[in-house]
Amino acid sequence: MKKKILAACIAGGVLLAAGGCIFAFVPGLFTYLHVKIKYDNIDRTIPQFERVSVPEKFVQYSVQGLTLSVPDSYVPTDTGHGFAGSDGKPRVLIMRSDKLETAALLSEYGADTDGLYDTKQFSDAEYRHYFETVGAPVPSDADARTDDLWYSKGTLQASDCLKLRGTDRRIFAEYALTKEESWNMEETWSLPLSGAVCYVSESTAALTASIAGNTVCIYPDDSRSEEISVILRVQDPQTAKQIISSIQLAT
């Protein structure tokens, strides 16, 4: 009986030692198993948007550094930042912003707004260390396309966490949750665009299911801190695809 107990203890010790070795070399294994089981979208990547043909009756305009075509029943809004349908309701809104200018404007408020827009759980240095560890661009206002939403939706994969430790592993878990929630809220595609990086999203969240909505985010190569946003409220999905397919940077 004593020999059986001793053998069992030895076997248990061997298993614990083996497990310790595994987790010493693969410290993120528990996190990997957790996100693989819990998150359906953890290994999704962003597919390419399929362009469709644009009807000849569409009218082309240049707005905010873009050219795009819209149905001939659409008319430019008074602000010149979009188009309204024949019913007078807004259908397309185009906005251009510069992240560096926005950051500079906010900094003028100093301590009065310190932390007001900061919803992150970790310090800038800790996030920087994480991105450097996983080999991804550090999000920066100087390059708007490095927005961490696109990192989490398109680049992050479950296997990225296997060698992460401590804070890096916790930051990975934060982005894994962001990825799951964002994919559950909207579908996203990349749109090939000469001279820019471009993403197209379509809302699928229950709260907005009754409102047809697409957002196109464009990041010009020659002005990396800028983002051009095209917001569509077009009821017919095919019309929305045709408008999106017509989008190009103005030359």
C-alpha atoms as a PDB file:
ATOM      1  CA  MET A   1       0.000   0.000   0.000  1.00  0.00           C
ATOM      2  CA  LYS A   2       2.849   2.349   0.945  1.00  0.00           C
ATOM      3  CA  LYS A   3       4.527   1.616  -2.399  1.00  0.00           C
ATOM      4  CA  LYS A   4       1.324   2.616  -4.260  1.00  0.00           C
ATOM      5  CA  ILE A   5       1.070   5.854  -2.308  1.00  0.00           C
ATOM      6  CA  LEU A   6       4.721   6.614  -2.958  1.00  0.00           C
ATOM      7  CA  ALA A   7       4.306   5.876  -6.664  1.00  0.00           C
ATOM      8  CA  ALA A   8       1.269   8.120  -6.821  1.00  0.00           C
ATOM      9  CA  CYS A   9       3.152  10.946  -5.117  1.00  0.00           C
ATOM     10  CA  ILE A  10       6.080  10.574  -7.504  1.00  0.00           C
ATOM     11  CA  ALA A  11       3.750  10.577 -10.509  1.00  0.00           C
ATOM     12  CA  GLY A  12       1.975  13.635  -9.207  1.00  0.00           C
ATOM     13  CA  GLY A  13       5.284  15.372  -8.654  1.00  0.00           C
ATOM     14  CA  VAL A  14       6.376  14.565 -12.193  1.00  0.00           C
ATOM     15  CA  LEU A  15       3.129  15.970 -13.594  1.00  0.00           C
ATOM     16  CA  LEU A  16       3.441  19.154 -11.549  1.00  0.00           C
ATOM     17  CA  ALA A  17       7.024  19.586 -12.666  1.00  0.00           C
ATOM     18  CA  ALA A  18       6.039  19.000 -16.284  1.00  0.00           C
ATOM     19  CA  GLY A  19       3.185  21.470 -15.949  1.00  0.00           C
ATOM     20  CA  GLY A  20       5.556  23.994 -14.403  1.00  0.00           C
ATOM     21  CA  CYS A  21       7.930  23.616 -17.328  1.00  0.00           C
ATOM     22  CA  ILE A  22       5.110  24.098 -19.823  1.00  0.00           C
ATOM     23  CA  PHE A  23       3.895  27.303 -18.193  1.00  0.00           C
ATOM     24  CA  ALA A  24       7.451  28.570 -17.760  1.00  0.00           C
ATOM     25  CA  PHE A  25       7.886  28.456 -21.536  1.00  0.00           C
ATOM     26  CA  VAL A  26       4.233  29.189 -22.401  1.00  0.00           C
ATOM     27  CA  PRO A  27       3.071  31.579 -19.641  1.00  0.00           C
ATOM     28  CA  GLY A  28      -0.012  32.701 -21.540  1.00  0.00           C
ATOM     29  CA  LEU A  29      -1.447  29.220 -22.067  1.00  0.00           C
ATOM     30  CA  PHE A  30      -4.342  29.690 -19.635  1.00  0.00           C
ATOM     31  CA  THR A  31      -5.249  33.003 -21.313  1.00  0.00           C
ATOM     32  CA  TYR A  32      -5.001  31.376 -24.732  1.00  0.00           C
ATOM     33  CA  LEU A  33      -7.380  28.575 -23.722  1.00  0.00           C
ATOM     34  CA  HIS A  34      -9.736  31.090 -22.120  1.00  0.00           C
ATOM     35  CA  VAL A  35     -10.086  33.351 -25.180  1.00  0.00           C
ATOM     36  CA  LYS A  36     -10.301  30.405 -27.591  1.00  0.00           C
ATOM     37  CA  ILE A  37     -13.229  28.974 -25.648  1.00  0.00           C
ATOM     38  CA  LYS A  38     -14.997  32.212 -24.708  1.00  0.00           C
ATOM     39  CA  TYR A  39     -14.638  34.416 -27.808  1.00  0.00           C
ATOM     40  CA  ASP A  40     -16.035  33.316 -31.166  1.00  0.00           C
ATOM     41  CA  ASN A  41     -14.233  36.108 -33.030  1.00  0.00           C
ATOM     42  CA  ILE A  42     -10.778  35.855 -31.470  1.00  0.00           C
ATOM     43  CA  ASP A  43      -9.037  34.718 -34.670  1.00  0.00           C
ATOM     44  CA  ARG A  44     -11.049  36.720 -37.191  1.00  0.00           C
ATOM     45  CA  THR A  45      -9.271  38.990 -39.628  1.00  0.00           C
ATOM     46  CA  ILE A  46     -10.687  41.816 -41.723  1.00  0.00           C
ATOM     47  CA  PRO A  47     -11.785  40.605 -45.187  1.00  0.00           C
ATOM     48  CA  GLN A  48     -11.716  42.726 -48.329  1.00  0.00           C
ATOM     49  CA  PHE A  49     -14.771  44.709 -49.386  1.00  0.00           C
ATOM     50  CA  GLU A  50     -16.158  43.596 -52.733  1.00  0.00           C
ATOM     51  CA  ARG A  51     -16.769  46.566 -54.971  1.00  0.00           C
ATOM     52  CA  VAL A  52     -19.885  46.654 -57.144  1.00  0.00           C
ATOM     53  CA  SER A  53     -20.520  48.578 -60.346  1.00  0.00           C
ATOM     54  CA  VAL A  54     -21.722  52.168 -60.000  1.00  0.00           C
ATOM     55  CA  PRO A  55     -24.826  53.104 -62.057  1.00  0.00           C
ATOM     56  CA  GLU A  56     -24.253  55.653 -64.812  1.00  0.00           C
ATOM     57  CA  LYS A  57     -27.094  57.801 -63.499  1.00  0.00           C
ATOM     58  CA  PHE A  58     -25.181  58.442 -60.276  1.00  0.00           C
ATOM     59  CA  VAL A  59     -23.665  61.925 -60.008  1.00  0.00           C
ATOM     60  CA  GLN A  60     -20.029  62.401 -58.980  1.00  0.00           C
ATOM     61  CA  TYR A  61     -18.981  65.047 -56.446  1.00  0.00           C
ATOM     62  CA  SER A  62     -15.759  66.121 -54.724  1.00  0.00           C
ATOM     63  CA  VAL A  63     -16.166  66.682 -50.984  1.00  0.00           C
ATOM     64  CA  GLN A  64     -13.580  66.923 -48.189  1.00  0.00           C
ATOM     65  CA  GLY A  65     -10.781  65.531 -50.315  1.00  0.00           C
ATOM     66  CA  LEU A  66     -12.849  62.664 -51.726  1.00  0.00           C
ATOM     67  CA  THR A  67     -14.672  61.977 -54.949  1.00  0.00           C
ATOM     68  CA  LEU A  68     -17.788  59.835 -54.703  1.00  0.00           C
ATOM     69  CA  SER A  69     -20.951  59.198 -56.664  1.00  0.00           C
ATOM     70  CA  VAL A  70     -24.482  59.319 -55.273  1.00  0.00           C
ATOM     71  CA  PRO A  71     -27.967  58.804 -56.762  1.00  0.00           C
ATOM     72  CA  ASP A  72     -29.170  61.729 -58.871  1.00  0.00           C
ATOM     73  CA  SER A  73     -32.019  62.275 -56.404  1.00  0.00           C
ATOM     74  CA  TYR A  74     -29.505  63.245 -53.697  1.00  0.00           C
ATOM     75  CA  VAL A  75     -28.684  66.923 -53.199  1.00  0.00           C
ATOM     76  CA  PRO A  76     -25.722  68.523 -51.375  1.00  0.00           C
ATOM     77  CA  THR A  77     -26.558  69.728 -47.873  1.00  0.00           C
ATOM     78  CA  ASP A  78     -26.322  73.414 -46.956  1.00  0.00           C
ATOM     79  CA  THR A  79     -23.130  72.795 -44.993  1.00  0.00           C
ATOM     80  CA  GLY A  80     -21.446  71.185 -47.981  1.00  0.00           C
ATOM     81  CA  HIS A  81     -20.412  68.172 -45.918  1.00  0.00           C
ATOM     82  CA  GLY A  82     -22.810  65.624 -47.347  1.00  0.00           C
ATOM     83  CA  PHE A  83     -26.017  64.817 -49.150  1.00  0.00           C
ATOM     84  CA  ALA A  84     -29.707  64.557 -48.395  1.00  0.00           C
ATOM     85  CA  GLY A  85     -32.263  62.347 -50.085  1.00  0.00           C
ATOM     86  CA  SER A  86     -35.310  63.531 -51.996  1.00  0.00           C
ATOM     87  CA  ASP A  87     -37.194  63.445 -48.679  1.00  0.00           C
ATOM     88  CA  GLY A  88     -34.775  65.971 -47.198  1.00  0.00           C
ATOM     89  CA  LYS A  89     -33.313  63.493 -44.713  1.00  0.00           C
ATOM     90  CA  PRO A  90     -29.500  63.229 -44.425  1.00  0.00           C
ATOM     91  CA  ARG A  91     -28.124  60.262 -46.332  1.00  0.00           C
ATOM     92  CA  VAL A  92     -24.350  60.859 -46.474  1.00  0.00           C
ATOM     93  CA  LEU A  93     -22.141  62.858 -44.106  1.00  0.00           C
ATOM     94  CA  ILE A  94     -18.418  63.422 -44.780  1.00  0.00           C
ATOM     95  CA  MET A  95     -16.080  64.675 -42.076  1.00  0.00           C
ATOM     96  CA  ARG A  96     -12.323  65.273 -42.063  1.00  0.00           C
ATOM     97  CA  SER A  97     -10.366  65.501 -38.830  1.00  0.00           C
ATOM     98  CA  ASP A  98      -6.733  65.637 -37.732  1.00  0.00           C
ATOM     99  CA  LYS A  99      -5.807  63.696 -34.589  1.00  0.00           C
ATOM    100  CA  LEU A 100      -2.759  65.835 -33.866  1.00  0.00           C
ATOM    101  CA  GLU A 101      -4.826  69.022 -34.063  1.00  0.00           C
ATOM    102  CA  THR A 102      -7.509  67.501 -31.839  1.00  0.00           C
ATOM    103  CA  ALA A 103      -4.919  66.422 -29.265  1.00  0.00           C
ATOM    104  CA  ALA A 104      -3.367  69.878 -29.286  1.00  0.00           C
ATOM    105  CA  LEU A 105      -6.767  71.489 -28.793  1.00  0.00           C
ATOM    106  CA  LEU A 106      -7.576  69.217 -25.843  1.00  0.00           C
ATOM    107  CA  SER A 107      -4.178  69.861 -24.266  1.00  0.00           C
ATOM    108  CA  GLU A 108      -5.055  73.554 -23.976  1.00  0.00           C
ATOM    109  CA  TYR A 109      -7.455  72.580 -21.171  1.00  0.00           C
ATOM    110  CA  GLY A 110      -4.551  71.151 -19.167  1.00  0.00           C
ATOM    111  CA  ALA A 111      -5.327  69.633 -15.786  1.00  0.00           C
ATOM    112  CA  ASP A 112      -9.015  70.532 -16.064  1.00  0.00           C
ATOM    113  CA  THR A 113      -9.530  67.714 -18.562  1.00  0.00           C
ATOM    114  CA  ASP A 114      -6.783  65.389 -17.336  1.00  0.00           C
ATOM    115  CA  GLY A 115      -8.068  61.851 -17.725  1.00  0.00           C
ATOM    116  CA  LEU A 116     -11.444  62.955 -19.054  1.00  0.00           C
ATOM    117  CA  TYR A 117     -10.960  61.129 -22.345  1.00  0.00           C
ATOM    118  CA  ASP A 118      -8.689  58.413 -20.939  1.00  0.00           C
ATOM    119  CA  THR A 119     -10.694  55.226 -20.437  1.00  0.00           C
ATOM    120  CA  LYS A 120      -7.702  52.866 -20.601  1.00  0.00           C
ATOM    121  CA  GLN A 121      -6.791  50.643 -17.676  1.00  0.00           C
ATOM    122  CA  PHE A 122      -3.012  50.837 -18.048  1.00  0.00           C
ATOM    123  CA  SER A 123      -0.357  53.510 -18.488  1.00  0.00           C
ATOM    124  CA  ASP A 124       0.921  54.738 -21.852  1.00  0.00           C
ATOM    125  CA  ALA A 125       4.271  53.094 -21.106  1.00  0.00           C
ATOM    126  CA  GLU A 126       2.599  49.758 -20.391  1.00  0.00           C
ATOM    127  CA  TYR A 127       0.616  49.889 -23.643  1.00  0.00           C
ATOM    128  CA  ARG A 128       3.768  50.829 -25.544  1.00  0.00           C
ATOM    129  CA  HIS A 129       5.613  47.886 -24.028  1.00  0.00           C
ATOM    130  CA  TYR A 130       2.757  45.565 -24.998  1.00  0.00           C
ATOM    131  CA  PHE A 131       2.692  46.659 -28.641  1.00  0.00           C
ATOM    132  CA  GLU A 132       6.463  46.451 -28.903  1.00  0.00           C
ATOM    133  CA  THR A 133       6.347  42.950 -27.405  1.00  0.00           C
ATOM    134  CA  VAL A 134       3.743  41.655 -29.876  1.00  0.00           C
ATOM    135  CA  GLY A 135       5.427  43.455 -32.770  1.00  0.00           C
ATOM    136  CA  ALA A 136       2.501  45.729 -33.695  1.00  0.00           C
ATOM    137  CA  PRO A 137       2.599  49.495 -34.379  1.00  0.00           C
ATOM    138  CA  VAL A 138       2.072  51.561 -31.242  1.00  0.00           C
ATOM    139  CA  PRO A 139      -1.165  53.595 -31.623  1.00  0.00           C
ATOM    140  CA  SER A 140      -0.258  57.216 -32.263  1.00  0.00           C
ATOM    141  CA  ASP A 141      -2.066  60.446 -33.111  1.00  0.00           C
ATOM    142  CA  ALA A 142       0.654  61.022 -35.709  1.00  0.00           C
ATOM    143  CA  ASP A 143      -0.594  57.964 -37.621  1.00  0.00           C
ATOM    144  CA  ALA A 144      -4.375  57.731 -37.349  1.00  0.00           C
ATOM    145  CA  ARG A 145      -4.514  54.349 -39.073  1.00  0.00           C
ATOM    146  CA  THR A 146      -2.792  52.773 -36.041  1.00  0.00           C
ATOM    147  CA  ASP A 147      -6.019  53.188 -34.046  1.00  0.00           C
ATOM    148  CA  ASP A 148      -6.170  50.235 -31.677  1.00  0.00           C
ATOM    149  CA  LEU A 149      -9.668  49.317 -32.902  1.00  0.00           C
ATOM    150  CA  TRP A 150      -8.185  48.171 -36.204  1.00  0.00           C
ATOM    151  CA  TYR A 151      -5.412  46.356 -34.342  1.00  0.00           C
ATOM    152  CA  SER A 152      -7.889  44.436 -32.199  1.00  0.00           C
ATOM    153  CA  LYS A 153     -10.309  43.691 -35.043  1.00  0.00           C
ATOM    154  CA  GLY A 154      -7.779  42.663 -37.641  1.00  0.00           C
ATOM    155  CA  THR A 155      -4.339  41.890 -36.242  1.00  0.00           C
ATOM    156  CA  LEU A 156      -4.776  40.386 -32.778  1.00  0.00           C
ATOM    157  CA  GLN A 157      -4.853  36.579 -32.687  1.00  0.00           C
ATOM    158  CA  ALA A 158      -5.254  34.119 -29.796  1.00  0.00           C
ATOM    159  CA  SER A 159      -1.734  32.776 -30.231  1.00  0.00           C
ATOM    160  CA  ASP A 160      -0.273  36.258 -29.594  1.00  0.00           C
ATOM    161  CA  CYS A 161      -0.698  35.774 -25.846  1.00  0.00           C
ATOM    162  CA  LEU A 162       1.191  32.487 -25.469  1.00  0.00           C
ATOM    163  CA  LYS A 163       4.500  34.094 -24.493  1.00  0.00           C
ATOM    164  CA  LEU A 164       3.076  37.131 -22.732  1.00  0.00           C
ATOM    165  CA  ARG A 165       3.507  37.685 -19.002  1.00  0.00           C
ATOM    166  CA  GLY A 166       2.140  40.005 -16.351  1.00  0.00           C
ATOM    167  CA  THR A 167       0.761  43.307 -17.588  1.00  0.00           C
ATOM    168  CA  ASP A 168       1.310  42.409 -21.247  1.00  0.00           C
ATOM    169  CA  ARG A 169      -0.966  39.410 -20.814  1.00  0.00           C
ATOM    170  CA  ARG A 170      -3.630  41.506 -19.077  1.00  0.00           C
ATOM    171  CA  ILE A 171      -3.501  44.096 -21.865  1.00  0.00           C
ATOM    172  CA  PHE A 172      -3.917  41.297 -24.398  1.00  0.00           C
ATOM    173  CA  ALA A 173      -7.033  40.141 -22.510  1.00  0.00           C
ATOM    174  CA  GLU A 174      -8.410  43.694 -22.691  1.00  0.00           C
ATOM    175  CA  TYR A 175      -7.954  43.812 -26.459  1.00  0.00           C
ATOM    176  CA  ALA A 176      -9.375  40.305 -26.868  1.00  0.00           C
ATOM    177  CA  LEU A 177     -12.579  41.500 -25.178  1.00  0.00           C
ATOM    178  CA  THR A 178     -12.592  44.623 -27.381  1.00  0.00           C
ATOM    179  CA  LYS A 179     -12.269  42.423 -30.459  1.00  0.00           C
ATOM    180  CA  GLU A 180     -15.209  40.233 -29.467  1.00  0.00           C
ATOM    181  CA  GLU A 181     -17.460  43.162 -28.606  1.00  0.00           C
ATOM    182  CA  SER A 182     -16.582  45.179 -31.705  1.00  0.00           C
ATOM    183  CA  TRP A 183     -17.173  42.264 -34.089  1.00  0.00           C
ATOM    184  CA  ASN A 184     -20.508  41.641 -32.377  1.00  0.00           C
ATOM    185  CA  MET A 185     -21.464  45.278 -32.999  1.00  0.00           C
ATOM    186  CA  GLU A 186     -20.448  45.662 -36.627  1.00  0.00           C
ATOM    187  CA  GLU A 187     -19.025  43.856 -39.628  1.00  0.00           C
ATOM    188  CA  THR A 188     -15.839  45.342 -41.080  1.00  0.00           C
ATOM    189  CA  TRP A 189     -14.028  45.106 -44.422  1.00  0.00           C
ATOM    190  CA  SER A 190     -10.906  46.696 -45.875  1.00  0.00           C
ATOM    191  CA  LEU A 191     -11.496  48.733 -49.032  1.00  0.00           C
ATOM    192  CA  PRO A 192      -8.533  48.906 -51.451  1.00  0.00           C
ATOM    193  CA  LEU A 193      -7.986  52.585 -52.120  1.00  0.00           C
ATOM    194  CA  SER A 194      -5.146  54.206 -54.042  1.00  0.00           C
ATOM    195  CA  GLY A 195      -3.160  56.483 -51.726  1.00  0.00           C
ATOM    196  CA  ALA A 196      -4.913  55.505 -48.509  1.00  0.00           C
ATOM    197  CA  VAL A 197      -5.862  52.795 -46.053  1.00  0.00           C
ATOM    198  CA  CYS A 198      -9.626  52.370 -45.805  1.00  0.00           C
ATOM    199  CA  TYR A 199     -12.088  50.400 -43.667  1.00  0.00           C
ATOM    200  CA  VAL A 200     -15.812  49.908 -44.228  1.00  0.00           C
ATOM    201  CA  SER A 201     -18.091  48.962 -41.332  1.00  0.00           C
ATOM    202  CA  GLU A 202     -21.756  48.010 -41.171  1.00  0.00           C
ATOM    203  CA  SER A 203     -23.633  48.174 -37.891  1.00  0.00           C
ATOM    204  CA  THR A 204     -25.224  44.925 -36.713  1.00  0.00           C
ATOM    205  CA  ALA A 205     -25.883  45.879 -33.074  1.00  0.00           C
ATOM    206  CA  ALA A 206     -29.431  45.326 -31.842  1.00  0.00           C
ATOM    207  CA  LEU A 207     -29.769  48.976 -30.779  1.00  0.00           C
ATOM    208  CA  THR A 208     -29.106  50.191 -34.327  1.00  0.00           C
ATOM    209  CA  ALA A 209     -30.653  47.312 -36.272  1.00  0.00           C
ATOM    210  CA  SER A 210     -33.567  49.506 -37.352  1.00  0.00           C
ATOM    211  CA  ILE A 211     -31.231  52.135 -38.818  1.00  0.00           C
ATOM    212  CA  ALA A 212     -29.327  51.173 -41.951  1.00  0.00           C
ATOM    213  CA  GLY A 213     -25.798  52.392 -41.341  1.00  0.00           C
ATOM    214  CA  ASN A 214     -22.322  52.186 -42.821  1.00  0.00           C
ATOM    215  CA  THR A 215     -19.159  54.009 -41.834  1.00  0.00           C
ATOM    216  CA  VAL A 216     -16.116  54.374 -44.073  1.00  0.00           C
ATOM    217  CA  CYS A 217     -12.852  55.424 -42.399  1.00  0.00           C
ATOM    218  CA  ILE A 218     -10.104  56.643 -44.747  1.00  0.00           C
ATOM    219  CA  TYR A 219      -6.487  57.362 -43.781  1.00  0.00           C
ATOM    220  CA  PRO A 220      -4.535  59.191 -46.534  1.00  0.00           C
ATOM    221  CA  ASP A 221      -0.903  58.167 -47.084  1.00  0.00           C
ATOM    222  CA  ASP A 222       0.282  61.766 -47.428  1.00  0.00           C
ATOM    223  CA  SER A 223      -1.373  63.031 -44.245  1.00  0.00           C
ATOM    224  CA  ARG A 224      -1.015  60.277 -41.693  1.00  0.00           C
ATOM    225  CA  SER A 225      -2.625  62.119 -38.768  1.00  0.00           C
ATOM    226  CA  GLU A 226      -5.870  62.684 -40.680  1.00  0.00           C
ATOM    227  CA  GLU A 227      -9.016  60.597 -40.877  1.00  0.00           C
ATOM    228  CA  ILE A 228     -11.823  61.102 -43.380  1.00  0.00           C
ATOM    229  CA  SER A 229     -15.106  59.601 -42.207  1.00  0.00           C
ATOM    230  CA  VAL A 230     -18.061  58.889 -44.479  1.00  0.00           C
ATOM    231  CA  ILE A 231     -21.259  58.054 -42.621  1.00  0.00           C
ATOM    232  CA  LEU A 232     -24.103  56.593 -44.677  1.00  0.00           C
ATOM    233  CA  ARG A 233     -27.747  56.293 -43.662  1.00  0.00           C
ATOM    234  CA  VAL A 234     -28.985  54.609 -46.819  1.00  0.00           C
ATOM    235  CA  GLN A 235     -31.894  52.195 -46.472  1.00  0.00           C
ATOM    236  CA  ASP A 236     -31.156  50.170 -49.595  1.00  0.00           C
ATOM    237  CA  PRO A 237     -28.007  48.011 -49.000  1.00  0.00           C
ATOM    238  CA  GLN A 238     -27.212  47.853 -52.725  1.00  0.00           C
ATOM    239  CA  THR A 239     -27.268  51.648 -53.041  1.00  0.00           C
ATOM    240  CA  ALA A 240     -24.964  51.905 -50.032  1.00  0.00           C
ATOM    241  CA  LYS A 241     -22.529  49.452 -51.668  1.00  0.00           C
ATOM    242  CA  GLN A 242     -22.609  51.442 -54.899  1.00  0.00           C
ATOM    243  CA  ILE A 243     -21.792  54.702 -53.114  1.00  0.00           C
ATOM    244  CA  ILE A 244     -18.980  53.059 -51.137  1.00  0.00           C
ATOM    245  CA  SER A 245     -17.593  51.455 -54.310  1.00  0.00           C
ATOM    246  CA  SER A 246     -17.343  54.894 -55.932  1.00  0.00           C
ATOM    247  CA  ILE A 247     -15.181  56.429 -53.200  1.00  0.00           C
ATOM    248  CA  GLN A 248     -11.693  57.591 -54.197  1.00  0.00           C
ATOM    249  CA  LEU A 249      -9.253  60.206 -52.978  1.00  0.00           C
ATOM    250  CA  ALA A 250      -9.637  63.422 -54.970  1.00  0.00           C
ATOM    251  CA  THR A 251      -6.730  64.122 -57.290  1.00  0.00           C
END
